[in-house]
Amino acid sequence: MIPFSFLILVVIIFILVITNIVVVQQSRAYVIERLGAFHSVWGVGLHVKIPFLDRIARKVSMKEQVLDYPPQPVITKDNVTMQIDTVVYFQITDPKLYAYGVEQPMAAMETLTATTLRNIIGDLELDQTLTSRDVVNTKMRAILDEATDPWGIKVNRVELKNILPPADIQSSMEKQMKAERDRRQAILQAEGQKKSAILIAEGERESAILRADADKQAAILKAEAEKQAAILRADGEAQAILAVQKALADSLELLNQKAPNDQVIKLKSIEAMQKVADGKATKIIIPSELQGLVGMANGIVESMK
């Protein structure tokens, strides 16, 4: 039979072992002290602590962390007091140095940040402070990173979140900014009106060019039409003249074939004179050959009477 005291001892040992098994999570590190002195740094995984000898001195997060400091009063080179709040992004790189490098590292970083900010802003005038945020951020990051390196801390970024000048200066700046906005708006309106006028002028010029081209094309088409009409009229008149000449030539050829005597020719002449007399001419010139024929015709008329 197992003594009761042995069972109690086994239970106590089991409890001690269970309670001294430590699991370190991802992105964390434990600083271990043995008998009050630094012993080791536990990384991710399962670890067993020796009871009554080892203790966890500090649990350290290895993630990037952010410190948002409240507004700090700073004085510029031209004696203007401003309120500036700062944001610091940092990461613990050495848990041992972080645990033993400085007492209360976060408070030390806040004090160091405020001091560094005052030193940098004290060398700048108000206008430079408002327009040189990137320069101030870069200088502060370099100074803080170098100063916190013995503490096992790496400063990744420093940002000036807000810069608040005094109320009177802020009011003047707002008025200046409003005047600048009004000036830019006036310039934009003038540019817009100028571009609009240019576009209107370009449109009118293009319209005038198109109208001139249209008138030119219409004149060309009209001239072409008149030319074609004149050609057609001339062609028609020429065809008519050719037809009359052909008919006259055919009639003369027919008369020549029939061998007409002088009486027929005279009779044809009289018919031609009748057609001439039917015209609107006020004077008629009668060939000498026809004058005798006319006298003969008058004599025949008198004898018949």
C-alpha atoms as a PDB file:
ATOM      1  CA  MET A   1       0.000   0.000   0.000  1.00  0.00           C
ATOM      2  CA  ILE A   2       1.360   3.450  -1.071  1.00  0.00           C
ATOM      3  CA  PRO A   3       1.781   5.802   1.837  1.00  0.00           C
ATOM      4  CA  PHE A   4      -0.511   8.795   1.786  1.00  0.00           C
ATOM      5  CA  SER A   5       2.403  11.175   2.241  1.00  0.00           C
ATOM      6  CA  PHE A   6       3.999   9.850  -0.970  1.00  0.00           C
ATOM      7  CA  LEU A   7       0.828  10.540  -2.885  1.00  0.00           C
ATOM      8  CA  ILE A   8       0.769  14.059  -1.580  1.00  0.00           C
ATOM      9  CA  LEU A   9       4.382  14.516  -2.652  1.00  0.00           C
ATOM     10  CA  VAL A  10       3.642  13.232  -6.149  1.00  0.00           C
ATOM     11  CA  VAL A  11       0.685  15.581  -6.442  1.00  0.00           C
ATOM     12  CA  ILE A  12       2.768  18.512  -5.303  1.00  0.00           C
ATOM     13  CA  ILE A  13       5.519  17.686  -7.811  1.00  0.00           C
ATOM     14  CA  PHE A  14       2.962  17.335 -10.592  1.00  0.00           C
ATOM     15  CA  ILE A  15       1.412  20.662  -9.735  1.00  0.00           C
ATOM     16  CA  LEU A  16       4.832  22.303  -9.650  1.00  0.00           C
ATOM     17  CA  VAL A  17       5.739  20.889 -13.068  1.00  0.00           C
ATOM     18  CA  ILE A  18       2.422  21.872 -14.596  1.00  0.00           C
ATOM     19  CA  THR A  19       2.526  25.398 -13.229  1.00  0.00           C
ATOM     20  CA  ASN A  20       6.097  25.910 -14.419  1.00  0.00           C
ATOM     21  CA  ILE A  21       5.488  24.905 -18.044  1.00  0.00           C
ATOM     22  CA  VAL A  22       5.401  28.100 -20.074  1.00  0.00           C
ATOM     23  CA  VAL A  23       4.324  28.514 -23.715  1.00  0.00           C
ATOM     24  CA  VAL A  24       5.646  31.649 -25.375  1.00  0.00           C
ATOM     25  CA  GLN A  25       3.340  32.945 -28.114  1.00  0.00           C
ATOM     26  CA  GLN A  26       4.224  34.346 -31.512  1.00  0.00           C
ATOM     27  CA  SER A  27       5.769  37.850 -31.574  1.00  0.00           C
ATOM     28  CA  ARG A  28       6.544  37.745 -27.854  1.00  0.00           C
ATOM     29  CA  ALA A  29       9.657  37.160 -25.754  1.00  0.00           C
ATOM     30  CA  TYR A  30      10.153  36.431 -22.047  1.00  0.00           C
ATOM     31  CA  VAL A  31      13.133  37.698 -20.060  1.00  0.00           C
ATOM     32  CA  ILE A  32      14.104  35.019 -17.491  1.00  0.00           C
ATOM     33  CA  GLU A  33      16.040  35.636 -14.287  1.00  0.00           C
ATOM     34  CA  ARG A  34      17.595  32.894 -12.180  1.00  0.00           C
ATOM     35  CA  LEU A  35      18.345  33.690  -8.591  1.00  0.00           C
ATOM     36  CA  GLY A  36      17.789  37.374  -9.325  1.00  0.00           C
ATOM     37  CA  ALA A  37      20.234  37.619 -12.256  1.00  0.00           C
ATOM     38  CA  PHE A  38      19.531  37.609 -15.964  1.00  0.00           C
ATOM     39  CA  HIS A  39      19.551  34.070 -17.301  1.00  0.00           C
ATOM     40  CA  SER A  40      18.049  33.961 -20.826  1.00  0.00           C
ATOM     41  CA  VAL A  41      15.387  35.161 -23.237  1.00  0.00           C
ATOM     42  CA  TRP A  42      12.709  32.677 -24.181  1.00  0.00           C
ATOM     43  CA  GLY A  43      11.417  32.808 -27.704  1.00  0.00           C
ATOM     44  CA  VAL A  44       8.343  31.189 -29.257  1.00  0.00           C
ATOM     45  CA  GLY A  45       7.649  27.648 -28.032  1.00  0.00           C
ATOM     46  CA  LEU A  46       7.392  25.442 -24.903  1.00  0.00           C
ATOM     47  CA  HIS A  47       9.670  26.144 -21.932  1.00  0.00           C
ATOM     48  CA  VAL A  48      10.000  24.750 -18.376  1.00  0.00           C
ATOM     49  CA  LYS A  49      10.850  27.038 -15.520  1.00  0.00           C
ATOM     50  CA  ILE A  50      12.746  25.740 -12.490  1.00  0.00           C
ATOM     51  CA  PRO A  51      10.552  26.341  -9.458  1.00  0.00           C
ATOM     52  CA  PHE A  52      11.815  28.806  -6.861  1.00  0.00           C
ATOM     53  CA  LEU A  53      14.897  29.548  -8.997  1.00  0.00           C
ATOM     54  CA  ASP A  54      13.630  31.014 -12.240  1.00  0.00           C
ATOM     55  CA  ARG A  55      11.193  33.826 -12.684  1.00  0.00           C
ATOM     56  CA  ILE A  56       9.832  35.741 -15.660  1.00  0.00           C
ATOM     57  CA  ALA A  57      11.279  39.227 -15.234  1.00  0.00           C
ATOM     58  CA  ARG A  58       9.478  40.837 -18.215  1.00  0.00           C
ATOM     59  CA  LYS A  59       7.148  39.836 -21.020  1.00  0.00           C
ATOM     60  CA  VAL A  60       8.024  41.748 -24.139  1.00  0.00           C
ATOM     61  CA  SER A  61       5.974  42.264 -27.327  1.00  0.00           C
ATOM     62  CA  MET A  62       8.091  42.207 -30.471  1.00  0.00           C
ATOM     63  CA  LYS A  63       5.396  43.851 -32.633  1.00  0.00           C
ATOM     64  CA  GLU A  64       5.596  47.422 -33.859  1.00  0.00           C
ATOM     65  CA  GLN A  65       3.932  49.720 -31.338  1.00  0.00           C
ATOM     66  CA  VAL A  66       2.552  53.250 -31.434  1.00  0.00           C
ATOM     67  CA  LEU A  67       2.845  56.009 -28.873  1.00  0.00           C
ATOM     68  CA  ASP A  68       0.519  58.978 -29.353  1.00  0.00           C
ATOM     69  CA  TYR A  69       1.743  61.804 -27.126  1.00  0.00           C
ATOM     70  CA  PRO A  70      -0.533  64.697 -26.094  1.00  0.00           C
ATOM     71  CA  PRO A  71       0.199  68.221 -27.426  1.00  0.00           C
ATOM     72  CA  GLN A  72       3.461  69.675 -26.164  1.00  0.00           C
ATOM     73  CA  PRO A  73       4.105  73.455 -25.899  1.00  0.00           C
ATOM     74  CA  VAL A  74       7.106  74.433 -28.010  1.00  0.00           C
ATOM     75  CA  ILE A  75       8.623  77.830 -28.843  1.00  0.00           C
ATOM     76  CA  THR A  76       9.882  78.667 -32.315  1.00  0.00           C
ATOM     77  CA  LYS A  77      12.946  80.705 -33.169  1.00  0.00           C
ATOM     78  CA  ASP A  78      10.812  83.831 -33.599  1.00  0.00           C
ATOM     79  CA  ASN A  79       9.257  83.344 -30.113  1.00  0.00           C
ATOM     80  CA  VAL A  80       5.891  81.909 -31.137  1.00  0.00           C
ATOM     81  CA  THR A  81       4.459  79.302 -28.778  1.00  0.00           C
ATOM     82  CA  MET A  82       2.719  76.407 -30.501  1.00  0.00           C
ATOM     83  CA  GLN A  83       1.100  73.160 -29.422  1.00  0.00           C
ATOM     84  CA  ILE A  84       2.410  70.085 -31.269  1.00  0.00           C
ATOM     85  CA  ASP A  85       1.365  66.492 -30.686  1.00  0.00           C
ATOM     86  CA  THR A  86       3.618  63.693 -31.889  1.00  0.00           C
ATOM     87  CA  VAL A  87       3.149  60.064 -32.892  1.00  0.00           C
ATOM     88  CA  VAL A  88       6.083  57.636 -32.572  1.00  0.00           C
ATOM     89  CA  TYR A  89       6.204  54.166 -34.185  1.00  0.00           C
ATOM     90  CA  PHE A  90       8.767  51.896 -32.553  1.00  0.00           C
ATOM     91  CA  GLN A  91       9.670  48.234 -32.133  1.00  0.00           C
ATOM     92  CA  ILE A  92      11.570  46.344 -29.432  1.00  0.00           C
ATOM     93  CA  THR A  93      14.510  44.535 -30.981  1.00  0.00           C
ATOM     94  CA  ASP A  94      16.436  43.403 -27.886  1.00  0.00           C
ATOM     95  CA  PRO A  95      14.305  42.203 -24.921  1.00  0.00           C
ATOM     96  CA  LYS A  96      17.326  42.106 -22.563  1.00  0.00           C
ATOM     97  CA  LEU A  97      18.300  45.720 -23.218  1.00  0.00           C
ATOM     98  CA  TYR A  98      14.657  46.735 -23.038  1.00  0.00           C
ATOM     99  CA  ALA A  99      14.351  45.059 -19.613  1.00  0.00           C
ATOM    100  CA  TYR A 100      17.593  46.368 -18.135  1.00  0.00           C
ATOM    101  CA  GLY A 101      18.547  49.399 -20.244  1.00  0.00           C
ATOM    102  CA  VAL A 102      16.330  52.027 -18.651  1.00  0.00           C
ATOM    103  CA  GLU A 103      13.711  52.217 -15.958  1.00  0.00           C
ATOM    104  CA  GLN A 104      10.232  52.729 -17.398  1.00  0.00           C
ATOM    105  CA  PRO A 105      11.189  52.824 -21.087  1.00  0.00           C
ATOM    106  CA  MET A 106       7.863  54.327 -22.257  1.00  0.00           C
ATOM    107  CA  ALA A 107       8.111  57.299 -19.897  1.00  0.00           C
ATOM    108  CA  ALA A 108      11.729  57.771 -20.908  1.00  0.00           C
ATOM    109  CA  MET A 109      10.728  57.781 -24.597  1.00  0.00           C
ATOM    110  CA  GLU A 110       7.996  60.356 -23.989  1.00  0.00           C
ATOM    111  CA  THR A 111      10.404  62.680 -22.198  1.00  0.00           C
ATOM    112  CA  LEU A 112      13.049  62.208 -24.870  1.00  0.00           C
ATOM    113  CA  THR A 113      10.519  62.896 -27.644  1.00  0.00           C
ATOM    114  CA  ALA A 114       9.331  66.136 -26.033  1.00  0.00           C
ATOM    115  CA  THR A 115      12.902  67.336 -25.484  1.00  0.00           C
ATOM    116  CA  THR A 116      13.965  66.525 -29.033  1.00  0.00           C
ATOM    117  CA  LEU A 117      10.899  68.256 -30.463  1.00  0.00           C
ATOM    118  CA  ARG A 118      11.610  71.442 -28.510  1.00  0.00           C
ATOM    119  CA  ASN A 119      15.242  71.469 -29.635  1.00  0.00           C
ATOM    120  CA  ILE A 120      14.362  71.069 -33.332  1.00  0.00           C
ATOM    121  CA  ILE A 121      11.474  73.553 -33.364  1.00  0.00           C
ATOM    122  CA  GLY A 122      13.589  76.064 -31.433  1.00  0.00           C
ATOM    123  CA  ASP A 123      15.894  76.323 -34.461  1.00  0.00           C
ATOM    124  CA  LEU A 124      13.019  77.008 -36.891  1.00  0.00           C
ATOM    125  CA  GLU A 125      10.786  80.015 -37.448  1.00  0.00           C
ATOM    126  CA  LEU A 126       6.994  79.742 -37.591  1.00  0.00           C
ATOM    127  CA  ASP A 127       6.763  79.546 -41.386  1.00  0.00           C
ATOM    128  CA  GLN A 128       9.507  76.935 -41.541  1.00  0.00           C
ATOM    129  CA  THR A 129       7.778  74.868 -38.868  1.00  0.00           C
ATOM    130  CA  LEU A 130       4.496  74.869 -40.779  1.00  0.00           C
ATOM    131  CA  THR A 131       6.108  73.972 -44.105  1.00  0.00           C
ATOM    132  CA  SER A 132       8.879  71.605 -42.978  1.00  0.00           C
ATOM    133  CA  ARG A 133       7.049  68.702 -41.378  1.00  0.00           C
ATOM    134  CA  ASP A 134       8.993  66.104 -43.321  1.00  0.00           C
ATOM    135  CA  VAL A 135      12.301  67.650 -42.272  1.00  0.00           C
ATOM    136  CA  VAL A 136      11.258  67.704 -38.612  1.00  0.00           C
ATOM    137  CA  ASN A 137       9.992  64.112 -38.816  1.00  0.00           C
ATOM    138  CA  THR A 138      13.251  62.883 -40.332  1.00  0.00           C
ATOM    139  CA  LYS A 139      15.433  64.661 -37.772  1.00  0.00           C
ATOM    140  CA  MET A 140      13.364  63.415 -34.841  1.00  0.00           C
ATOM    141  CA  ARG A 141      13.404  59.825 -36.068  1.00  0.00           C
ATOM    142  CA  ALA A 142      17.182  59.849 -36.463  1.00  0.00           C
ATOM    143  CA  ILE A 143      17.773  61.386 -33.013  1.00  0.00           C
ATOM    144  CA  LEU A 144      15.282  59.142 -31.198  1.00  0.00           C
ATOM    145  CA  ASP A 145      16.499  55.990 -32.918  1.00  0.00           C
ATOM    146  CA  GLU A 146      20.073  56.684 -31.925  1.00  0.00           C
ATOM    147  CA  ALA A 147      19.121  57.608 -28.336  1.00  0.00           C
ATOM    148  CA  THR A 148      16.896  54.548 -27.777  1.00  0.00           C
ATOM    149  CA  ASP A 149      19.295  52.035 -29.309  1.00  0.00           C
ATOM    150  CA  PRO A 150      20.898  51.235 -25.891  1.00  0.00           C
ATOM    151  CA  TRP A 151      17.366  50.496 -24.643  1.00  0.00           C
ATOM    152  CA  GLY A 152      16.787  47.791 -27.269  1.00  0.00           C
ATOM    153  CA  ILE A 153      14.252  49.972 -29.104  1.00  0.00           C
ATOM    154  CA  LYS A 154      14.227  50.873 -32.788  1.00  0.00           C
ATOM    155  CA  VAL A 155      12.252  53.967 -33.808  1.00  0.00           C
ATOM    156  CA  ASN A 156      10.746  53.391 -37.257  1.00  0.00           C
ATOM    157  CA  ARG A 157       8.803  56.616 -37.859  1.00  0.00           C
ATOM    158  CA  VAL A 158       7.945  59.895 -36.185  1.00  0.00           C
ATOM    159  CA  GLU A 159       5.003  62.023 -37.305  1.00  0.00           C
ATOM    160  CA  LEU A 160       3.884  65.503 -36.259  1.00  0.00           C
ATOM    161  CA  LYS A 161       0.150  64.946 -36.112  1.00  0.00           C
ATOM    162  CA  ASN A 162      -1.066  68.477 -35.348  1.00  0.00           C
ATOM    163  CA  ILE A 163       0.613  71.880 -35.242  1.00  0.00           C
ATOM    164  CA  LEU A 164      -1.557  74.464 -33.505  1.00  0.00           C
ATOM    165  CA  PRO A 165      -0.259  78.071 -33.545  1.00  0.00           C
ATOM    166  CA  PRO A 166      -1.764  80.748 -31.270  1.00  0.00           C
ATOM    167  CA  ALA A 167      -5.338  81.863 -31.962  1.00  0.00           C
ATOM    168  CA  ASP A 168      -4.434  85.280 -33.397  1.00  0.00           C
ATOM    169  CA  ILE A 169      -1.819  83.832 -35.718  1.00  0.00           C
ATOM    170  CA  GLN A 170      -4.190  81.046 -36.734  1.00  0.00           C
ATOM    171  CA  SER A 171      -6.863  83.655 -37.569  1.00  0.00           C
ATOM    172  CA  SER A 172      -4.381  85.616 -39.688  1.00  0.00           C
ATOM    173  CA  MET A 173      -3.332  82.445 -41.453  1.00  0.00           C
ATOM    174  CA  GLU A 174      -6.946  81.568 -42.197  1.00  0.00           C
ATOM    175  CA  LYS A 175      -7.533  85.036 -43.662  1.00  0.00           C
ATOM    176  CA  GLN A 176      -4.390  84.693 -45.754  1.00  0.00           C
ATOM    177  CA  MET A 177      -5.465  81.271 -46.954  1.00  0.00           C
ATOM    178  CA  LYS A 178      -8.921  82.617 -47.831  1.00  0.00           C
ATOM    179  CA  ALA A 179      -7.365  85.468 -49.801  1.00  0.00           C
ATOM    180  CA  GLU A 180      -5.137  82.962 -51.599  1.00  0.00           C
ATOM    181  CA  ARG A 181      -8.134  80.781 -52.424  1.00  0.00           C
ATOM    182  CA  ASP A 182     -10.035  83.813 -53.744  1.00  0.00           C
ATOM    183  CA  ARG A 183      -7.045  84.795 -55.866  1.00  0.00           C
ATOM    184  CA  ARG A 184      -6.762  81.318 -57.317  1.00  0.00           C
ATOM    185  CA  GLN A 185     -10.485  81.226 -57.980  1.00  0.00           C
ATOM    186  CA  ALA A 186     -10.293  84.572 -59.810  1.00  0.00           C
ATOM    187  CA  ILE A 187      -7.374  83.289 -61.874  1.00  0.00           C
ATOM    188  CA  LEU A 188      -9.271  80.110 -62.730  1.00  0.00           C
ATOM    189  CA  GLN A 189     -12.352  82.110 -63.730  1.00  0.00           C
ATOM    190  CA  ALA A 190     -10.251  84.397 -65.913  1.00  0.00           C
ATOM    191  CA  GLU A 191      -8.570  81.406 -67.509  1.00  0.00           C
ATOM    192  CA  GLY A 192     -11.978  79.836 -68.097  1.00  0.00           C
ATOM    193  CA  GLN A 193     -13.356  82.993 -69.725  1.00  0.00           C
ATOM    194  CA  LYS A 194     -10.242  83.282 -71.871  1.00  0.00           C
ATOM    195  CA  LYS A 195     -10.526  79.691 -73.037  1.00  0.00           C
ATOM    196  CA  SER A 196     -14.258  80.167 -73.673  1.00  0.00           C
ATOM    197  CA  ALA A 197     -13.597  83.249 -75.821  1.00  0.00           C
ATOM    198  CA  ILE A 198     -10.902  81.390 -77.725  1.00  0.00           C
ATOM    199  CA  LEU A 199     -13.257  78.489 -78.353  1.00  0.00           C
ATOM    200  CA  ILE A 200     -16.016  80.851 -79.537  1.00  0.00           C
ATOM    201  CA  ALA A 201     -13.596  82.628 -81.879  1.00  0.00           C
ATOM    202  CA  GLU A 202     -12.327  79.302 -83.188  1.00  0.00           C
ATOM    203  CA  GLY A 203     -15.914  78.179 -83.757  1.00  0.00           C
ATOM    204  CA  GLU A 204     -16.815  81.360 -85.634  1.00  0.00           C
ATOM    205  CA  ARG A 205     -13.669  81.099 -87.744  1.00  0.00           C
ATOM    206  CA  GLU A 206     -14.392  77.482 -88.616  1.00  0.00           C
ATOM    207  CA  SER A 207     -18.003  78.402 -89.403  1.00  0.00           C
ATOM    208  CA  ALA A 208     -16.885  81.250 -91.695  1.00  0.00           C
ATOM    209  CA  ILE A 209     -14.446  78.920 -93.443  1.00  0.00           C
ATOM    210  CA  LEU A 210     -17.181  76.332 -93.944  1.00  0.00           C
ATOM    211  CA  ARG A 211     -19.595  78.966 -95.285  1.00  0.00           C
ATOM    212  CA  ALA A 212     -16.940  80.292 -97.681  1.00  0.00           C
ATOM    213  CA  ASP A 213     -16.209  76.767 -98.871  1.00  0.00           C
ATOM    214  CA  ALA A 214     -19.920  76.139 -99.346  1.00  0.00           C
ATOM    215  CA  ASP A 215     -20.353  79.385-101.332  1.00  0.00           C
ATOM    216  CA  LYS A 216     -17.290  78.515-103.404  1.00  0.00           C
ATOM    217  CA  GLN A 217     -18.615  75.047-104.161  1.00  0.00           C
ATOM    218  CA  ALA A 218     -22.055  76.480-105.021  1.00  0.00           C
ATOM    219  CA  ALA A 219     -20.494  79.057-107.379  1.00  0.00           C
ATOM    220  CA  ILE A 220     -18.404  76.336-109.009  1.00  0.00           C
ATOM    221  CA  LEU A 221     -21.448  74.114-109.452  1.00  0.00           C
ATOM    222  CA  LYS A 222     -23.494  77.034-110.827  1.00  0.00           C
ATOM    223  CA  ALA A 223     -20.743  77.942-113.296  1.00  0.00           C
ATOM    224  CA  GLU A 224     -20.449  74.300-114.326  1.00  0.00           C
ATOM    225  CA  ALA A 225     -24.227  74.140-114.848  1.00  0.00           C
ATOM    226  CA  GLU A 226     -24.267  77.349-116.913  1.00  0.00           C
ATOM    227  CA  LYS A 227     -21.309  76.093-118.904  1.00  0.00           C
ATOM    228  CA  GLN A 228     -23.060  72.799-119.631  1.00  0.00           C
ATOM    229  CA  ALA A 229     -26.274  74.649-120.533  1.00  0.00           C
ATOM    230  CA  ALA A 230     -24.394  76.960-122.921  1.00  0.00           C
ATOM    231  CA  ILE A 231     -22.632  73.972-124.452  1.00  0.00           C
ATOM    232  CA  LEU A 232     -25.942  72.194-124.884  1.00  0.00           C
ATOM    233  CA  ARG A 233     -27.592  75.319-126.395  1.00  0.00           C
ATOM    234  CA  ALA A 234     -24.673  75.844-128.775  1.00  0.00           C
ATOM    235  CA  ASP A 235     -24.759  72.179-129.672  1.00  0.00           C
ATOM    236  CA  GLY A 236     -28.507  72.393-130.333  1.00  0.00           C
ATOM    237  CA  GLU A 237     -28.150  75.525-132.467  1.00  0.00           C
ATOM    238  CA  ALA A 238     -25.330  73.894-134.396  1.00  0.00           C
ATOM    239  CA  GLN A 239     -27.449  70.800-134.959  1.00  0.00           C
ATOM    240  CA  ALA A 240     -30.359  73.023-136.119  1.00  0.00           C
ATOM    241  CA  ILE A 241     -28.109  74.953-138.501  1.00  0.00           C
ATOM    242  CA  LEU A 242     -26.723  71.682-139.876  1.00  0.00           C
ATOM    243  CA  ALA A 243     -30.247  70.364-140.337  1.00  0.00           C
ATOM    244  CA  VAL A 244     -31.334  73.559-142.205  1.00  0.00           C
ATOM    245  CA  GLN A 245     -28.206  73.477-144.345  1.00  0.00           C
ATOM    246  CA  LYS A 246     -28.773  69.806-145.073  1.00  0.00           C
ATOM    247  CA  ALA A 247     -32.389  70.413-146.002  1.00  0.00           C
ATOM    248  CA  LEU A 248     -31.372  73.323-148.274  1.00  0.00           C
ATOM    249  CA  ALA A 249     -28.673  71.211-149.856  1.00  0.00           C
ATOM    250  CA  ASP A 250     -31.144  68.369-150.391  1.00  0.00           C
ATOM    251  CA  SER A 251     -33.686  70.721-151.988  1.00  0.00           C
ATOM    252  CA  LEU A 252     -31.058  72.232-154.290  1.00  0.00           C
ATOM    253  CA  GLU A 253     -29.875  68.764-155.226  1.00  0.00           C
ATOM    254  CA  LEU A 254     -33.458  67.769-155.969  1.00  0.00           C
ATOM    255  CA  LEU A 255     -33.972  70.862-158.127  1.00  0.00           C
ATOM    256  CA  ASN A 256     -30.767  70.158-160.001  1.00  0.00           C
ATOM    257  CA  GLN A 257     -31.929  66.621-160.624  1.00  0.00           C
ATOM    258  CA  LYS A 258     -35.242  67.878-162.037  1.00  0.00           C
ATOM    259  CA  ALA A 259     -33.504  70.487-164.280  1.00  0.00           C
ATOM    260  CA  PRO A 260     -35.914  73.387-163.529  1.00  0.00           C
ATOM    261  CA  ASN A 261     -36.400  76.140-166.120  1.00  0.00           C
ATOM    262  CA  ASP A 262     -36.229  79.855-165.536  1.00  0.00           C
ATOM    263  CA  GLN A 263     -39.954  80.138-164.837  1.00  0.00           C
ATOM    264  CA  VAL A 264     -39.784  77.682-161.930  1.00  0.00           C
ATOM    265  CA  ILE A 265     -36.792  79.458-160.457  1.00  0.00           C
ATOM    266  CA  LYS A 266     -38.571  82.778-160.699  1.00  0.00           C
ATOM    267  CA  LEU A 267     -41.640  81.286-159.105  1.00  0.00           C
ATOM    268  CA  LYS A 268     -39.556  79.998-156.220  1.00  0.00           C
ATOM    269  CA  SER A 269     -38.022  83.405-155.860  1.00  0.00           C
ATOM    270  CA  ILE A 270     -41.474  84.947-155.590  1.00  0.00           C
ATOM    271  CA  GLU A 271     -42.393  82.450-152.885  1.00  0.00           C
ATOM    272  CA  ALA A 272     -39.213  83.344-151.023  1.00  0.00           C
ATOM    273  CA  MET A 273     -40.067  87.039-151.286  1.00  0.00           C
ATOM    274  CA  GLN A 274     -43.511  86.362-149.878  1.00  0.00           C
ATOM    275  CA  LYS A 275     -41.918  84.750-146.845  1.00  0.00           C
ATOM    276  CA  VAL A 276     -39.570  87.667-146.501  1.00  0.00           C
ATOM    277  CA  ALA A 277     -42.491  90.086-146.723  1.00  0.00           C
ATOM    278  CA  ASP A 278     -44.233  88.259-143.935  1.00  0.00           C
ATOM    279  CA  GLY A 279     -41.380  89.327-141.570  1.00  0.00           C
ATOM    280  CA  LYS A 280     -41.186  92.426-139.441  1.00  0.00           C
ATOM    281  CA  ALA A 281     -38.568  94.230-141.551  1.00  0.00           C
ATOM    282  CA  THR A 282     -39.603  97.751-142.728  1.00  0.00           C
ATOM    283  CA  LYS A 283     -37.368  97.724-145.764  1.00  0.00           C
ATOM    284  CA  ILE A 284     -37.109  94.960-148.418  1.00  0.00           C
ATOM    285  CA  ILE A 285     -34.403  94.933-151.028  1.00  0.00           C
ATOM    286  CA  ILE A 286     -35.624  93.107-154.218  1.00  0.00           C
ATOM    287  CA  PRO A 287     -33.012  91.664-156.538  1.00  0.00           C
ATOM    288  CA  SER A 288     -32.906  93.139-160.056  1.00  0.00           C
ATOM    289  CA  GLU A 289     -33.805  89.814-161.624  1.00  0.00           C
ATOM    290  CA  LEU A 290     -37.120  89.834-159.798  1.00  0.00           C
ATOM    291  CA  GLN A 291     -38.079  93.415-160.714  1.00  0.00           C
ATOM    292  CA  GLY A 292     -38.929  92.491-164.282  1.00  0.00           C
ATOM    293  CA  LEU A 293     -40.895  89.545-163.105  1.00  0.00           C
ATOM    294  CA  VAL A 294     -42.932  91.760-160.823  1.00  0.00           C
ATOM    295  CA  GLY A 295     -43.675  94.144-163.704  1.00  0.00           C
ATOM    296  CA  MET A 296     -44.778  91.263-165.843  1.00  0.00           C
ATOM    297  CA  ALA A 297     -47.114  90.049-163.140  1.00  0.00           C
ATOM    298  CA  ASN A 298     -48.700  93.524-162.877  1.00  0.00           C
ATOM    299  CA  GLY A 299     -49.248  93.614-166.658  1.00  0.00           C
ATOM    300  CA  ILE A 300     -50.993  90.276-166.611  1.00  0.00           C
ATOM    301  CA  VAL A 301     -53.261  91.489-163.829  1.00  0.00           C
ATOM    302  CA  GLU A 302     -54.229  94.672-165.795  1.00  0.00           C
ATOM    303  CA  SER A 303     -54.966  92.692-168.967  1.00  0.00           C
ATOM    304  CA  MET A 304     -57.214  90.319-167.112  1.00  0.00           C
ATOM    305  CA  LYS A 305     -59.138  93.209-165.675  1.00  0.00           C
END
